Amino acid sequence: MTPAEQMLIAAADLNAKVASAKRSGEAVTVPPAAVSELAYLLESCGRSTAQAGAINSTRNPALVEHAHDIARTYLGELPR
């Protein structure tokens, strides 16, 4: 199994847990390793954007834009 397949399976599993928790009104338990990976993604995309100077100047602007949306939605806007 490739790393991409493993990530897709893990994402599908997490999405299923979220859907089940929404239906039952319960909280979703996310393993610390998953939180760590998401934090790594956000940090990596942030660093990539900082080095490139703009999201569209990165090698993968769609991924960086998505990471930016996740950060803004769940972590809030940073004070200026």
C-alpha atoms as a PDB file:
ATOM      1  CA  MET A   1       0.000   0.000   0.000  1.00  0.00           C
ATOM      2  CA  THR A   2       1.371   3.399  -0.957  1.00  0.00           C
ATOM      3  CA  PRO A   3       1.574   6.360   1.464  1.00  0.00           C
ATOM      4  CA  ALA A   4      -1.103   8.132  -0.600  1.00  0.00           C
ATOM      5  CA  GLU A   5      -3.452   5.166  -0.198  1.00  0.00           C
ATOM      6  CA  GLN A   6      -2.777   5.086   3.545  1.00  0.00           C
ATOM      7  CA  MET A   7      -3.569   8.800   3.844  1.00  0.00           C
ATOM      8  CA  LEU A   8      -6.793   8.410   1.859  1.00  0.00           C
ATOM      9  CA  ILE A   9      -7.907   5.506   4.056  1.00  0.00           C
ATOM     10  CA  ALA A  10      -7.078   7.473   7.218  1.00  0.00           C
ATOM     11  CA  ALA A  11      -8.962  10.513   5.912  1.00  0.00           C
ATOM     12  CA  ALA A  12     -11.983   8.384   5.046  1.00  0.00           C
ATOM     13  CA  ASP A  13     -11.888   6.808   8.518  1.00  0.00           C
ATOM     14  CA  LEU A  14     -11.711  10.199  10.217  1.00  0.00           C
ATOM     15  CA  ASN A  15     -14.549  11.544   8.048  1.00  0.00           C
ATOM     16  CA  ALA A  16     -16.666   8.514   9.019  1.00  0.00           C
ATOM     17  CA  LYS A  17     -15.949   9.137  12.718  1.00  0.00           C
ATOM     18  CA  VAL A  18     -16.926  12.786  12.340  1.00  0.00           C
ATOM     19  CA  ALA A  19     -20.161  11.923  10.544  1.00  0.00           C
ATOM     20  CA  SER A  20     -21.058   9.384  13.232  1.00  0.00           C
ATOM     21  CA  ALA A  21     -20.267  11.858  16.017  1.00  0.00           C
ATOM     22  CA  LYS A  22     -22.410  14.550  14.380  1.00  0.00           C
ATOM     23  CA  ARG A  23     -25.362  12.162  14.205  1.00  0.00           C
ATOM     24  CA  SER A  24     -24.985  11.078  17.830  1.00  0.00           C
ATOM     25  CA  GLY A  25     -24.058  14.504  19.198  1.00  0.00           C
ATOM     26  CA  GLU A  26     -20.826  13.193  20.667  1.00  0.00           C
ATOM     27  CA  ALA A  27     -17.330  14.622  20.505  1.00  0.00           C
ATOM     28  CA  VAL A  28     -14.821  13.209  18.040  1.00  0.00           C
ATOM     29  CA  THR A  29     -11.725  11.666  19.520  1.00  0.00           C
ATOM     30  CA  VAL A  30      -8.745  12.407  17.312  1.00  0.00           C
ATOM     31  CA  PRO A  31      -5.485  10.586  17.967  1.00  0.00           C
ATOM     32  CA  PRO A  32      -2.608  12.896  18.956  1.00  0.00           C
ATOM     33  CA  ALA A  33      -0.636  11.657  15.941  1.00  0.00           C
ATOM     34  CA  ALA A  34      -3.362  12.938  13.595  1.00  0.00           C
ATOM     35  CA  VAL A  35      -3.346  16.343  15.271  1.00  0.00           C
ATOM     36  CA  SER A  36       0.436  16.400  14.967  1.00  0.00           C
ATOM     37  CA  GLU A  37       0.267  15.624  11.244  1.00  0.00           C
ATOM     38  CA  LEU A  38      -2.324  18.345  10.645  1.00  0.00           C
ATOM     39  CA  ALA A  39      -0.191  20.825  12.578  1.00  0.00           C
ATOM     40  CA  TYR A  40       2.823  19.789  10.481  1.00  0.00           C
ATOM     41  CA  LEU A  41       0.819  20.375   7.286  1.00  0.00           C
ATOM     42  CA  LEU A  42      -0.265  23.835   8.430  1.00  0.00           C
ATOM     43  CA  GLU A  43       3.271  24.750   9.500  1.00  0.00           C
ATOM     44  CA  SER A  44       4.809  23.429   6.274  1.00  0.00           C
ATOM     45  CA  CYS A  45       2.324  25.319   4.119  1.00  0.00           C
ATOM     46  CA  GLY A  46       2.894  28.470   6.168  1.00  0.00           C
ATOM     47  CA  ARG A  47       6.655  28.212   5.754  1.00  0.00           C
ATOM     48  CA  SER A  48       6.290  27.536   2.031  1.00  0.00           C
ATOM     49  CA  THR A  49       4.115  30.624   1.650  1.00  0.00           C
ATOM     50  CA  ALA A  50       6.525  32.755   3.666  1.00  0.00           C
ATOM     51  CA  GLN A  51       9.466  31.647   1.518  1.00  0.00           C
ATOM     52  CA  ALA A  52       7.593  32.101  -1.770  1.00  0.00           C
ATOM     53  CA  GLY A  53       6.079  35.424  -0.760  1.00  0.00           C
ATOM     54  CA  ALA A  54       2.532  34.524  -1.811  1.00  0.00           C
ATOM     55  CA  ILE A  55       0.271  31.485  -1.943  1.00  0.00           C
ATOM     56  CA  ASN A  56       0.160  31.520  -5.764  1.00  0.00           C
ATOM     57  CA  SER A  57       3.961  31.508  -5.896  1.00  0.00           C
ATOM     58  CA  THR A  58       4.251  28.193  -4.049  1.00  0.00           C
ATOM     59  CA  ARG A  59       4.717  24.877  -5.797  1.00  0.00           C
ATOM     60  CA  ASN A  60       1.254  23.724  -4.726  1.00  0.00           C
ATOM     61  CA  PRO A  61      -1.021  26.741  -4.281  1.00  0.00           C
ATOM     62  CA  ALA A  62      -4.212  24.664  -3.993  1.00  0.00           C
ATOM     63  CA  LEU A  63      -2.841  22.711  -1.034  1.00  0.00           C
ATOM     64  CA  VAL A  64      -1.520  25.860   0.633  1.00  0.00           C
ATOM     65  CA  GLU A  65      -4.825  27.664   0.086  1.00  0.00           C
ATOM     66  CA  HIS A  66      -6.670  24.752   1.643  1.00  0.00           C
ATOM     67  CA  ALA A  67      -4.302  24.705   4.640  1.00  0.00           C
ATOM     68  CA  HIS A  68      -4.833  28.456   4.981  1.00  0.00           C
ATOM     69  CA  ASP A  69      -8.610  27.956   4.991  1.00  0.00           C
ATOM     70  CA  ILE A  70      -8.309  25.250   7.673  1.00  0.00           C
ATOM     71  CA  ALA A  71      -6.163  27.497   9.848  1.00  0.00           C
ATOM     72  CA  ARG A  72      -8.478  30.498   9.482  1.00  0.00           C
ATOM     73  CA  THR A  73     -11.619  28.454  10.078  1.00  0.00           C
ATOM     74  CA  TYR A  74     -10.479  26.474  13.090  1.00  0.00           C
ATOM     75  CA  LEU A  75      -7.715  28.588  14.609  1.00  0.00           C
ATOM     76  CA  GLY A  76      -9.084  32.041  13.822  1.00  0.00           C
ATOM     77  CA  GLU A  77      -7.506  35.125  12.340  1.00  0.00           C
ATOM     78  CA  LEU A  78      -4.218  36.298  13.791  1.00  0.00           C
ATOM     79  CA  PRO A  79      -4.203  39.807  15.252  1.00  0.00           C
ATOM     80  CA  ARG A  80      -2.395  42.319  13.082  1.00  0.00           C
END
